[in-house]
PDB file of N, CA and C in Angstrom:
ATOM      1  N   UNK A   1      86.273  99.155  10.243  1.00  0.00           N
ATOM      2  CA  UNK A   1      87.035  99.523  11.421  1.00  0.00           C
ATOM      3  C   UNK A   1      86.351  99.074  12.706  1.00  0.00           C
ATOM      4  N   UNK A   2      85.065  99.020  12.697  1.00  0.00           N
ATOM      5  CA  UNK A   2      84.326  98.646  13.888  1.00  0.00           C
ATOM      6  C   UNK A   2      84.651  97.212  14.297  1.00  0.00           C
ATOM      7  N   UNK A   3      84.806  96.336  13.311  1.00  0.00           N
ATOM      8  CA  UNK A   3      85.129  94.933  13.589  1.00  0.00           C
ATOM      9  C   UNK A   3      86.526  94.820  14.207  1.00  0.00           C
ATOM     10  N   UNK A   4      87.473  95.568  13.684  1.00  0.00           N
ATOM     11  CA  UNK A   4      88.833  95.529  14.217  1.00  0.00           C
ATOM     12  C   UNK A   4      88.890  96.098  15.633  1.00  0.00           C
ATOM     13  N   UNK A   5      88.108  97.125  15.904  1.00  0.00           N
ATOM     14  CA  UNK A   5      88.061  97.686  17.259  1.00  0.00           C
ATOM     15  C   UNK A   5      87.507  96.666  18.250  1.00  0.00           C
ATOM     16  N   UNK A   6      86.484  95.945  17.817  1.00  0.00           N
ATOM     17  CA  UNK A   6      85.908  94.917  18.682  1.00  0.00           C
ATOM     18  C   UNK A   6      86.942  93.830  18.991  1.00  0.00           C
ATOM     19  N   UNK A   7      87.665  93.398  17.970  1.00  0.00           N
ATOM     20  CA  UNK A   7      88.693  92.358  18.153  1.00  0.00           C
ATOM     21  C   UNK A   7      89.786  92.853  19.094  1.00  0.00           C
ATOM     22  N   UNK A   8      90.202  94.071  18.931  1.00  0.00           N
ATOM     23  CA  UNK A   8      91.241  94.637  19.810  1.00  0.00           C
ATOM     24  C   UNK A   8      90.741  94.763  21.250  1.00  0.00           C
ATOM     25  N   UNK A   9      89.473  95.144  21.422  1.00  0.00           N
ATOM     26  CA  UNK A   9      88.913  95.239  22.771  1.00  0.00           C
ATOM     27  C   UNK A   9      88.891  93.868  23.451  1.00  0.00           C
ATOM     28  N   UNK A  10      88.555  92.833  22.675  1.00  0.00           N
ATOM     29  CA  UNK A  10      88.528  91.481  23.241  1.00  0.00           C
ATOM     30  C   UNK A  10      89.943  91.061  23.637  1.00  0.00           C
ATOM     31  N   UNK A  11      90.907  91.285  22.779  1.00  0.00           N
ATOM     32  CA  UNK A  11      92.289  90.909  23.093  1.00  0.00           C
ATOM     33  C   UNK A  11      92.836  91.684  24.289  1.00  0.00           C
ATOM     34  N   UNK A  12      92.473  92.945  24.421  1.00  0.00           N
ATOM     35  CA  UNK A  12      92.980  93.783  25.498  1.00  0.00           C
ATOM     36  C   UNK A  12      92.184  93.647  26.792  1.00  0.00           C
ATOM     37  N   UNK A  13      91.131  92.858  26.789  1.00  0.00           N
ATOM     38  CA  UNK A  13      90.293  92.738  27.984  1.00  0.00           C
ATOM     39  C   UNK A  13      90.990  91.991  29.117  1.00  0.00           C
ATOM     40  N   UNK A  14      92.026  91.249  28.822  1.00  0.00           N
ATOM     41  CA  UNK A  14      92.726  90.492  29.859  1.00  0.00           C
ATOM     42  C   UNK A  14      93.949  91.237  30.400  1.00  0.00           C
ATOM     43  N   UNK A  15      94.145  92.460  29.999  1.00  0.00           N
ATOM     44  CA  UNK A  15      95.330  93.212  30.440  1.00  0.00           C
ATOM     45  C   UNK A  15      95.328  93.497  31.935  1.00  0.00           C
ATOM     46  N   UNK A  16      94.199  93.732  32.540  1.00  0.00           N
ATOM     47  CA  UNK A  16      94.152  94.112  33.943  1.00  0.00           C
ATOM     48  C   UNK A  16      94.047  92.940  34.905  1.00  0.00           C
ATOM     49  N   UNK A  17      94.095  91.738  34.415  1.00  0.00           N
ATOM     50  CA  UNK A  17      93.931  90.560  35.280  1.00  0.00           C
ATOM     51  C   UNK A  17      95.242  90.291  36.015  1.00  0.00           C
ATOM     52  N   UNK A  18      95.138  90.052  37.328  1.00  0.00           N
ATOM     53  CA  UNK A  18      96.329  89.715  38.115  1.00  0.00           C
ATOM     54  C   UNK A  18      96.468  88.199  38.206  1.00  0.00           C
ATOM     55  N   UNK A  19      97.686  87.765  38.324  1.00  0.00           N
ATOM     56  CA  UNK A  19      97.980  86.341  38.387  1.00  0.00           C
ATOM     57  C   UNK A  19      97.586  85.803  39.749  1.00  0.00           C
ATOM     58  N   UNK A  20      96.957  84.629  39.771  1.00  0.00           N
ATOM     59  CA  UNK A  20      96.514  84.003  41.015  1.00  0.00           C
ATOM     60  C   UNK A  20      97.682  83.251  41.636  1.00  0.00           C
ATOM     61  N   UNK A  21      97.860  83.418  42.916  1.00  0.00           N
ATOM     62  CA  UNK A  21      98.935  82.725  43.632  1.00  0.00           C
ATOM     63  C   UNK A  21      98.311  81.532  44.361  1.00  0.00           C
ATOM     64  N   UNK A  22      98.748  80.308  44.035  1.00  0.00           N
ATOM     65  CA  UNK A  22      98.145  79.123  44.668  1.00  0.00           C
ATOM     66  C   UNK A  22      98.618  78.950  46.108  1.00  0.00           C
ATOM     67  N   UNK A  23      97.884  78.180  46.847  1.00  0.00           N
ATOM     68  CA  UNK A  23      98.219  77.855  48.230  1.00  0.00           C
ATOM     69  C   UNK A  23      99.485  77.005  48.246  1.00  0.00           C
ATOM     70  N   UNK A  24     100.339  77.186  49.237  1.00  0.00           N
ATOM     71  CA  UNK A  24     101.591  76.427  49.330  1.00  0.00           C
ATOM     72  C   UNK A  24     101.347  74.940  49.555  1.00  0.00           C
ATOM     73  N   UNK A  25     100.266  74.602  50.202  1.00  0.00           N
ATOM     74  CA  UNK A  25      99.967  73.218  50.537  1.00  0.00           C
ATOM     75  C   UNK A  25      99.261  72.478  49.390  1.00  0.00           C
ATOM     76  N   UNK A  26      98.900  73.181  48.333  1.00  0.00           N
ATOM     77  CA  UNK A  26      98.106  72.596  47.251  1.00  0.00           C
ATOM     78  C   UNK A  26      98.840  71.465  46.537  1.00  0.00           C
ATOM     79  N   UNK A  27     100.102  71.660  46.202  1.00  0.00           N
ATOM     80  CA  UNK A  27     100.854  70.649  45.471  1.00  0.00           C
ATOM     81  C   UNK A  27     100.985  69.362  46.277  1.00  0.00           C
ATOM     82  N   UNK A  28     101.233  69.465  47.562  1.00  0.00           N
ATOM     83  CA  UNK A  28     101.371  68.263  48.390  1.00  0.00           C
ATOM     84  C   UNK A  28     100.026  67.536  48.524  1.00  0.00           C
ATOM     85  N   UNK A  29      98.916  68.290  48.592  1.00  0.00           N
ATOM     86  CA  UNK A  29      97.602  67.635  48.651  1.00  0.00           C
ATOM     87  C   UNK A  29      97.296  66.891  47.358  1.00  0.00           C
ATOM     88  N   UNK A  30      97.660  67.483  46.223  1.00  0.00           N
ATOM     89  CA  UNK A  30      97.442  66.813  44.934  1.00  0.00           C
ATOM     90  C   UNK A  30      98.269  65.544  44.849  1.00  0.00           C
ATOM     91  N   UNK A  31      99.526  65.603  45.274  1.00  0.00           N
ATOM     92  CA  UNK A  31     100.386  64.410  45.249  1.00  0.00           C
ATOM     93  C   UNK A  31      99.843  63.311  46.153  1.00  0.00           C
ATOM     94  N   UNK A  32      99.305  63.670  47.319  1.00  0.00           N
ATOM     95  CA  UNK A  32      98.736  62.662  48.215  1.00  0.00           C
ATOM     96  C   UNK A  32      97.519  61.991  47.598  1.00  0.00           C
ATOM     97  N   UNK A  33      96.684  62.761  46.921  1.00  0.00           N
ATOM     98  CA  UNK A  33      95.510  62.164  46.281  1.00  0.00           C
ATOM     99  C   UNK A  33      95.896  61.241  45.144  1.00  0.00           C
ATOM    100  N   UNK A  34      96.931  61.592  44.412  1.00  0.00           N
ATOM    101  CA  UNK A  34      97.398  60.724  43.322  1.00  0.00           C
ATOM    102  C   UNK A  34      97.985  59.436  43.886  1.00  0.00           C
ATOM    103  N   UNK A  35      98.754  59.531  44.953  1.00  0.00           N
ATOM    104  CA  UNK A  35      99.400  58.356  45.540  1.00  0.00           C
ATOM    105  C   UNK A  35      98.396  57.426  46.218  1.00  0.00           C
ATOM    106  N   UNK A  36      97.290  57.967  46.687  1.00  0.00           N
ATOM    107  CA  UNK A  36      96.297  57.165  47.408  1.00  0.00           C
ATOM    108  C   UNK A  36      95.339  56.537  46.410  1.00  0.00           C
ATOM    109  N   UNK A  37      95.713  55.360  45.905  1.00  0.00           N
ATOM    110  CA  UNK A  37      94.872  54.621  44.976  1.00  0.00           C
ATOM    111  C   UNK A  37      94.140  53.536  45.750  1.00  0.00           C
ATOM    112  N   UNK A  38      92.930  53.277  45.343  1.00  0.00           N
ATOM    113  CA  UNK A  38      92.206  52.153  45.917  1.00  0.00           C
ATOM    114  C   UNK A  38      92.647  50.890  45.183  1.00  0.00           C
ATOM    115  N   UNK A  39      93.266  49.986  45.917  1.00  0.00           N
ATOM    116  CA  UNK A  39      93.795  48.774  45.308  1.00  0.00           C
ATOM    117  C   UNK A  39      92.806  47.630  45.495  1.00  0.00           C
ATOM    118  N   UNK A  40      92.667  46.814  44.445  1.00  0.00           N
ATOM    119  CA  UNK A  40      91.784  45.654  44.479  1.00  0.00           C
ATOM    120  C   UNK A  40      92.619  44.450  44.892  1.00  0.00           C
ATOM    121  N   UNK A  41      92.068  43.659  45.801  1.00  0.00           N
ATOM    122  CA  UNK A  41      92.822  42.505  46.273  1.00  0.00           C
ATOM    123  C   UNK A  41      92.879  41.417  45.206  1.00  0.00           C
ATOM    124  N   UNK A  42      93.889  40.570  45.305  1.00  0.00           N
ATOM    125  CA  UNK A  42      94.070  39.468  44.365  1.00  0.00           C
ATOM    126  C   UNK A  42      92.902  38.493  44.465  1.00  0.00           C
ATOM    127  N   UNK A  43      92.381  38.295  45.654  1.00  0.00           N
ATOM    128  CA  UNK A  43      91.257  37.382  45.849  1.00  0.00           C
ATOM    129  C   UNK A  43      90.030  37.853  45.064  1.00  0.00           C
ATOM    130  N   UNK A  44      89.779  39.144  45.052  1.00  0.00           N
ATOM    131  CA  UNK A  44      88.647  39.690  44.309  1.00  0.00           C
ATOM    132  C   UNK A  44      88.833  39.485  42.806  1.00  0.00           C
ATOM    133  N   UNK A  45      90.039  39.681  42.332  1.00  0.00           N
ATOM    134  CA  UNK A  45      90.321  39.477  40.908  1.00  0.00           C
ATOM    135  C   UNK A  45      90.086  38.016  40.527  1.00  0.00           C
ATOM    136  N   UNK A  46      90.540  37.071  41.360  1.00  0.00           N
ATOM    137  CA  UNK A  46      90.342  35.655  41.065  1.00  0.00           C
ATOM    138  C   UNK A  46      88.861  35.278  41.126  1.00  0.00           C
ATOM    139  N   UNK A  47      88.114  35.861  42.049  1.00  0.00           N
ATOM    140  CA  UNK A  47      86.685  35.579  42.123  1.00  0.00           C
ATOM    141  C   UNK A  47      85.953  36.076  40.879  1.00  0.00           C
ATOM    142  N   UNK A  48      86.303  37.246  40.410  1.00  0.00           N
ATOM    143  CA  UNK A  48      85.682  37.776  39.197  1.00  0.00           C
ATOM    144  C   UNK A  48      86.047  36.920  37.993  1.00  0.00           C
ATOM    145  N   UNK A  49      87.306  36.517  37.887  1.00  0.00           N
ATOM    146  CA  UNK A  49      87.729  35.675  36.768  1.00  0.00           C
ATOM    147  C   UNK A  49      87.013  34.328  36.801  1.00  0.00           C
ATOM    148  N   UNK A  50      86.888  33.726  37.986  1.00  0.00           N
ATOM    149  CA  UNK A  50      86.196  32.444  38.101  1.00  0.00           C
ATOM    150  C   UNK A  50      84.719  32.591  37.749  1.00  0.00           C
ATOM    151  N   UNK A  51      84.103  33.682  38.152  1.00  0.00           N
ATOM    152  CA  UNK A  51      82.699  33.917  37.815  1.00  0.00           C
ATOM    153  C   UNK A  51      82.502  34.040  36.314  1.00  0.00           C
ATOM    154  N   UNK A  52      83.404  34.726  35.656  1.00  0.00           N
ATOM    155  CA  UNK A  52      83.305  34.876  34.201  1.00  0.00           C
ATOM    156  C   UNK A  52      83.468  33.523  33.516  1.00  0.00           C
ATOM    157  N   UNK A  53      84.419  32.713  33.977  1.00  0.00           N
ATOM    158  CA  UNK A  53      84.630  31.387  33.386  1.00  0.00           C
ATOM    159  C   UNK A  53      83.402  30.508  33.589  1.00  0.00           C
ATOM    160  N   UNK A  54      82.817  30.547  34.772  1.00  0.00           N
ATOM    161  CA  UNK A  54      81.625  29.743  35.046  1.00  0.00           C
ATOM    162  C   UNK A  54      80.459  30.190  34.172  1.00  0.00           C
ATOM    163  N   UNK A  55      80.249  31.489  34.047  1.00  0.00           N
ATOM    164  CA  UNK A  55      79.157  31.986  33.206  1.00  0.00           C
ATOM    165  C   UNK A  55      79.355  31.631  31.740  1.00  0.00           C
ATOM    166  N   UNK A  56      80.568  31.755  31.242  1.00  0.00           N
ATOM    167  CA  UNK A  56      80.831  31.384  29.854  1.00  0.00           C
ATOM    168  C   UNK A  56      80.623  29.890  29.631  1.00  0.00           C
ATOM    169  N   UNK A  57      81.067  29.075  30.573  1.00  0.00           N
ATOM    170  CA  UNK A  57      80.884  27.633  30.440  1.00  0.00           C
ATOM    171  C   UNK A  57      79.409  27.264  30.448  1.00  0.00           C
ATOM    172  N   UNK A  58      78.663  27.853  31.347  1.00  0.00           N
ATOM    173  CA  UNK A  58      77.228  27.593  31.422  1.00  0.00           C
ATOM    174  C   UNK A  58      76.528  28.030  30.136  1.00  0.00           C
ATOM    175  N   UNK A  59      76.898  29.171  29.605  1.00  0.00           N
ATOM    176  CA  UNK A  59      76.311  29.623  28.347  1.00  0.00           C
ATOM    177  C   UNK A  59      76.622  28.671  27.199  1.00  0.00           C
ATOM    178  N   UNK A  60      77.860  28.188  27.130  1.00  0.00           N
ATOM    179  CA  UNK A  60      78.218  27.261  26.058  1.00  0.00           C
ATOM    180  C   UNK A  60      77.471  25.940  26.182  1.00  0.00           C
ATOM    181  N   UNK A  61      77.326  25.426  27.397  1.00  0.00           N
ATOM    182  CA  UNK A  61      76.598  24.170  27.603  1.00  0.00           C
ATOM    183  C   UNK A  61      75.136  24.333  27.207  1.00  0.00           C
ATOM    184  N   UNK A  62      74.522  25.407  27.652  1.00  0.00           N
ATOM    185  CA  UNK A  62      73.119  25.638  27.310  1.00  0.00           C
ATOM    186  C   UNK A  62      72.931  25.885  25.818  1.00  0.00           C
ATOM    187  N   UNK A  63      73.831  26.597  25.208  1.00  0.00           N
ATOM    188  CA  UNK A  63      73.751  26.843  23.770  1.00  0.00           C
ATOM    189  C   UNK A  63      73.866  25.535  23.000  1.00  0.00           C
ATOM    190  N   UNK A  64      74.776  24.673  23.409  1.00  0.00           N
ATOM    191  CA  UNK A  64      74.951  23.378  22.758  1.00  0.00           C
ATOM    192  C   UNK A  64      73.710  22.510  22.949  1.00  0.00           C
ATOM    193  N   UNK A  65      73.138  22.513  24.139  1.00  0.00           N
ATOM    194  CA  UNK A  65      71.951  21.711  24.427  1.00  0.00           C
ATOM    195  C   UNK A  65      70.762  22.168  23.585  1.00  0.00           C
ATOM    196  N   UNK A  66      70.513  23.465  23.552  1.00  0.00           N
ATOM    197  CA  UNK A  66      69.364  23.967  22.806  1.00  0.00           C
ATOM    198  C   UNK A  66      69.571  23.856  21.306  1.00  0.00           C
ATOM    199  N   UNK A  67      70.802  23.933  20.834  1.00  0.00           N
ATOM    200  CA  UNK A  67      71.058  23.773  19.404  1.00  0.00           C
ATOM    201  C   UNK A  67      70.739  22.346  18.970  1.00  0.00           C
ATOM    202  N   UNK A  68      71.073  21.359  19.786  1.00  0.00           N
ATOM    203  CA  UNK A  68      70.777  19.970  19.443  1.00  0.00           C
ATOM    204  C   UNK A  68      69.282  19.688  19.530  1.00  0.00           C
ATOM    205  N   UNK A  69      68.620  20.154  20.562  1.00  0.00           N
ATOM    206  CA  UNK A  69      67.195  19.872  20.716  1.00  0.00           C
ATOM    207  C   UNK A  69      66.381  20.601  19.654  1.00  0.00           C
ATOM    208  N   UNK A  70      66.754  21.788  19.283  1.00  0.00           N
ATOM    209  CA  UNK A  70      66.035  22.551  18.271  1.00  0.00           C
ATOM    210  C   UNK A  70      66.180  21.893  16.915  1.00  0.00           C
ATOM    211  N   UNK A  71      67.355  21.335  16.629  1.00  0.00           N
ATOM    212  CA  UNK A  71      67.596  20.685  15.350  1.00  0.00           C
ATOM    213  C   UNK A  71      66.710  19.452  15.208  1.00  0.00           C
ATOM    214  N   UNK A  72      66.577  18.668  16.261  1.00  0.00           N
ATOM    215  CA  UNK A  72      65.754  17.464  16.173  1.00  0.00           C
ATOM    216  C   UNK A  72      64.277  17.823  16.050  1.00  0.00           C
ATOM    217  N   UNK A  73      63.828  18.875  16.690  1.00  0.00           N
ATOM    218  CA  UNK A  73      62.440  19.312  16.559  1.00  0.00           C
ATOM    219  C   UNK A  73      62.149  19.777  15.140  1.00  0.00           C
ATOM    220  N   UNK A  74      63.069  20.497  14.545  1.00  0.00           N
ATOM    221  CA  UNK A  74      62.886  20.963  13.172  1.00  0.00           C
ATOM    222  C   UNK A  74      62.874  19.784  12.218  1.00  0.00           C
ATOM    223  N   UNK A  75      63.752  18.805  12.442  1.00  0.00           N
ATOM    224  CA  UNK A  75      63.797  17.633  11.566  1.00  0.00           C
ATOM    225  C   UNK A  75      62.500  16.840  11.662  1.00  0.00           C
ATOM    226  N   UNK A  76      61.961  16.648  12.857  1.00  0.00           N
ATOM    227  CA  UNK A  76      60.707  15.908  12.991  1.00  0.00           C
ATOM    228  C   UNK A  76      59.549  16.681  12.382  1.00  0.00           C
ATOM    229  N   UNK A  77      59.545  17.993  12.513  1.00  0.00           N
ATOM    230  CA  UNK A  77      58.514  18.816  11.903  1.00  0.00           C
ATOM    231  C   UNK A  77      58.605  18.740  10.380  1.00  0.00           C
ATOM    232  N   UNK A  78      59.788  18.691   9.863  1.00  0.00           N
ATOM    233  CA  UNK A  78      59.987  18.595   8.417  1.00  0.00           C
ATOM    234  C   UNK A  78      59.463  17.268   7.883  1.00  0.00           C
ATOM    235  N   UNK A  79      59.669  16.194   8.626  1.00  0.00           N
ATOM    236  CA  UNK A  79      59.180  14.893   8.184  1.00  0.00           C
ATOM    237  C   UNK A  79      57.654  14.836   8.186  1.00  0.00           C
ATOM    238  N   UNK A  80      57.027  15.494   9.121  1.00  0.00           N
ATOM    239  CA  UNK A  80      55.568  15.502   9.186  1.00  0.00           C
ATOM    240  C   UNK A  80      54.992  16.331   8.048  1.00  0.00           C
ATOM    241  N   UNK A  81      55.555  17.471   7.759  1.00  0.00           N
ATOM    242  CA  UNK A  81      55.010  18.366   6.740  1.00  0.00           C
ATOM    243  C   UNK A  81      55.360  17.886   5.327  1.00  0.00           C
ATOM    244  N   UNK A  82      56.588  17.533   5.110  1.00  0.00           N
ATOM    245  CA  UNK A  82      57.064  17.178   3.780  1.00  0.00           C
ATOM    246  C   UNK A  82      57.018  15.665   3.594  1.00  0.00           C
ATOM    247  N   UNK A  83      55.978  15.176   2.933  1.00  0.00           N
ATOM    248  CA  UNK A  83      55.842  13.720   2.711  1.00  0.00           C
ATOM    249  C   UNK A  83      56.624  13.265   1.501  1.00  0.00           C
ATOM    250  N   UNK A  84      56.832  14.148   0.547  1.00  0.00           N
ATOM    251  CA  UNK A  84      57.629  13.783  -0.616  1.00  0.00           C
ATOM    252  C   UNK A  84      58.576  14.919  -0.955  1.00  0.00           C
ATOM    253  N   UNK A  85      59.498  14.654  -1.831  1.00  0.00           N
ATOM    254  CA  UNK A  85      60.525  15.637  -2.181  1.00  0.00           C
ATOM    255  C   UNK A  85      60.231  16.297  -3.519  1.00  0.00           C
ATOM    256  N   UNK A  86      59.017  16.269  -3.967  1.00  0.00           N
ATOM    257  CA  UNK A  86      58.667  16.891  -5.237  1.00  0.00           C
ATOM    258  C   UNK A  86      58.548  18.388  -5.042  1.00  0.00           C
ATOM    259  N   UNK A  87      59.316  19.146  -5.809  1.00  0.00           N
ATOM    260  CA  UNK A  87      59.245  20.595  -5.734  1.00  0.00           C
ATOM    261  C   UNK A  87      58.112  21.130  -6.595  1.00  0.00           C
ATOM    262  N   UNK A  88      57.874  20.460  -7.744  1.00  0.00           N
ATOM    263  CA  UNK A  88      56.838  20.885  -8.664  1.00  0.00           C
ATOM    264  C   UNK A  88      55.904  19.705  -8.910  1.00  0.00           C
ATOM    265  N   UNK A  89      54.647  19.976  -9.176  1.00  0.00           N
ATOM    266  CA  UNK A  89      53.691  18.888  -9.463  1.00  0.00           C
ATOM    267  C   UNK A  89      53.683  18.511 -10.899  1.00  0.00           C
TER     268      UNK A  89
END
């Protein structure tokens, strides 16, 4: 019974609470804040897009350059180390 009394006390604890009445101007202030969006200019969007394209292009060029140079270095190193193709003696 003690557990049920506790549960009933918790449920009945909100009986004496009065309803809060909001300010009349509150709804209009909320609507104004929603309507007031910070808009990004088209010029800024194009600048960001161009920057991304330039960075991606630069990354691809550098990746291609280093992939070719690394391959030739590995091939020359392989020729110096491996004089014959015998796997077993």
